[in-house]
C-alpha atoms as a PDB file:
ATOM      1  CA  UNK A   1       9.895  -2.608  -7.348  1.00  0.00           C
ATOM      2  CA  UNK A   2       9.082  -0.141  -4.620  1.00  0.00           C
ATOM      3  CA  UNK A   3       5.641   1.117  -3.311  1.00  0.00           C
ATOM      4  CA  UNK A   4       4.713   4.436  -1.699  1.00  0.00           C
ATOM      5  CA  UNK A   5       1.446   5.883  -0.457  1.00  0.00           C
ATOM      6  CA  UNK A   6       0.588   9.532  -1.224  1.00  0.00           C
ATOM      7  CA  UNK A   7      -0.567  10.493   2.385  1.00  0.00           C
ATOM      8  CA  UNK A   8      -2.529  13.492   1.112  1.00  0.00           C
ATOM      9  CA  UNK A   9      -4.669  11.209  -1.210  1.00  0.00           C
ATOM     10  CA  UNK A  10      -5.148   8.224   1.293  1.00  0.00           C
ATOM     11  CA  UNK A  11      -8.558   8.250   2.947  1.00  0.00           C
ATOM     12  CA  UNK A  12      -8.159   5.302   5.170  1.00  0.00           C
ATOM     13  CA  UNK A  13     -10.179   2.585   3.296  1.00  0.00           C
ATOM     14  CA  UNK A  14      -7.806   0.002   4.218  1.00  0.00           C
ATOM     15  CA  UNK A  15      -7.663  -2.002   1.165  1.00  0.00           C
ATOM     16  CA  UNK A  16      -3.870  -1.945   0.857  1.00  0.00           C
ATOM     17  CA  UNK A  17      -3.360  -3.526   4.242  1.00  0.00           C
ATOM     18  CA  UNK A  18      -6.217  -6.067   3.790  1.00  0.00           C
ATOM     19  CA  UNK A  19      -4.952  -7.125   0.471  1.00  0.00           C
ATOM     20  CA  UNK A  20      -1.121  -7.008   1.046  1.00  0.00           C
ATOM     21  CA  UNK A  21      -0.564  -7.154   5.064  1.00  0.00           C
ATOM     22  CA  UNK A  22       3.090  -7.764   4.389  1.00  0.00           C
ATOM     23  CA  UNK A  23       3.564  -4.580   2.510  1.00  0.00           C
ATOM     24  CA  UNK A  24       1.296  -2.289   4.157  1.00  0.00           C
ATOM     25  CA  UNK A  25       0.033  -1.370   7.617  1.00  0.00           C
ATOM     26  CA  UNK A  26      -2.097   1.310   9.195  1.00  0.00           C
ATOM     27  CA  UNK A  27      -1.209   4.336  11.377  1.00  0.00           C
ATOM     28  CA  UNK A  28      -3.025   5.387  14.465  1.00  0.00           C
ATOM     29  CA  UNK A  29      -5.770   6.832  12.741  1.00  0.00           C
ATOM     30  CA  UNK A  30      -6.269   4.032  10.341  1.00  0.00           C
ATOM     31  CA  UNK A  31      -4.540   5.466   7.223  1.00  0.00           C
ATOM     32  CA  UNK A  32      -2.339   3.293   5.059  1.00  0.00           C
ATOM     33  CA  UNK A  33       1.255   3.191   5.485  1.00  0.00           C
ATOM     34  CA  UNK A  34       4.013   1.315   3.741  1.00  0.00           C
ATOM     35  CA  UNK A  35       6.061  -1.143   6.040  1.00  0.00           C
ATOM     36  CA  UNK A  36       9.702  -0.950   5.952  1.00  0.00           C
ATOM     37  CA  UNK A  37      11.345   0.824   3.242  1.00  0.00           C
ATOM     38  CA  UNK A  38       8.758   0.015   0.566  1.00  0.00           C
ATOM     39  CA  UNK A  39      10.848  -2.543  -1.381  1.00  0.00           C
ATOM     40  CA  UNK A  40       8.523  -5.329  -2.573  1.00  0.00           C
ATOM     41  CA  UNK A  41      10.252  -8.688  -1.808  1.00  0.00           C
ATOM     42  CA  UNK A  42      10.600 -11.154  -4.677  1.00  0.00           C
ATOM     43  CA  UNK A  43       7.276 -13.039  -5.352  1.00  0.00           C
ATOM     44  CA  UNK A  44       5.103 -10.128  -3.881  1.00  0.00           C
ATOM     45  CA  UNK A  45       4.977  -8.054  -7.090  1.00  0.00           C
ATOM     46  CA  UNK A  46       1.384  -9.323  -7.872  1.00  0.00           C
ATOM     47  CA  UNK A  47       0.204  -8.628  -4.346  1.00  0.00           C
ATOM     48  CA  UNK A  48       1.629  -5.089  -4.558  1.00  0.00           C
ATOM     49  CA  UNK A  49      -0.122  -4.548  -8.019  1.00  0.00           C
ATOM     50  CA  UNK A  50      -3.450  -5.935  -6.462  1.00  0.00           C
ATOM     51  CA  UNK A  51      -3.207  -3.199  -3.661  1.00  0.00           C
ATOM     52  CA  UNK A  52      -2.460  -0.502  -6.107  1.00  0.00           C
ATOM     53  CA  UNK A  53      -5.434  -1.386  -8.383  1.00  0.00           C
ATOM     54  CA  UNK A  54      -7.601  -1.543  -5.392  1.00  0.00           C
ATOM     55  CA  UNK A  55      -7.066   1.799  -3.893  1.00  0.00           C
ATOM     56  CA  UNK A  56     -10.096   4.010  -4.483  1.00  0.00           C
ATOM     57  CA  UNK A  57      -8.082   7.164  -4.377  1.00  0.00           C
ATOM     58  CA  UNK A  58      -5.172   5.954  -6.336  1.00  0.00           C
ATOM     59  CA  UNK A  59      -2.860   6.955  -3.506  1.00  0.00           C
ATOM     60  CA  UNK A  60      -0.546   4.010  -4.001  1.00  0.00           C
ATOM     61  CA  UNK A  61       2.106   3.866  -6.830  1.00  0.00           C
ATOM     62  CA  UNK A  62       4.904   1.588  -7.674  1.00  0.00           C
ATOM     63  CA  UNK A  63       8.421   2.890  -8.626  1.00  0.00           C
END
């Protein structure tokens, strides 16, 4: 599983990095960004799905 953020949709609410700090971080302006290459480590799939489900703009998707 891999995650990505659509930067044009992200409004910087921060739910992704609050819910899944091992997968997401924030940039200098507070917008979400994927950490590393976006590959979700084994055992973190549920956390990734939680972040996807809680994004108000639906800016996060899994591949």
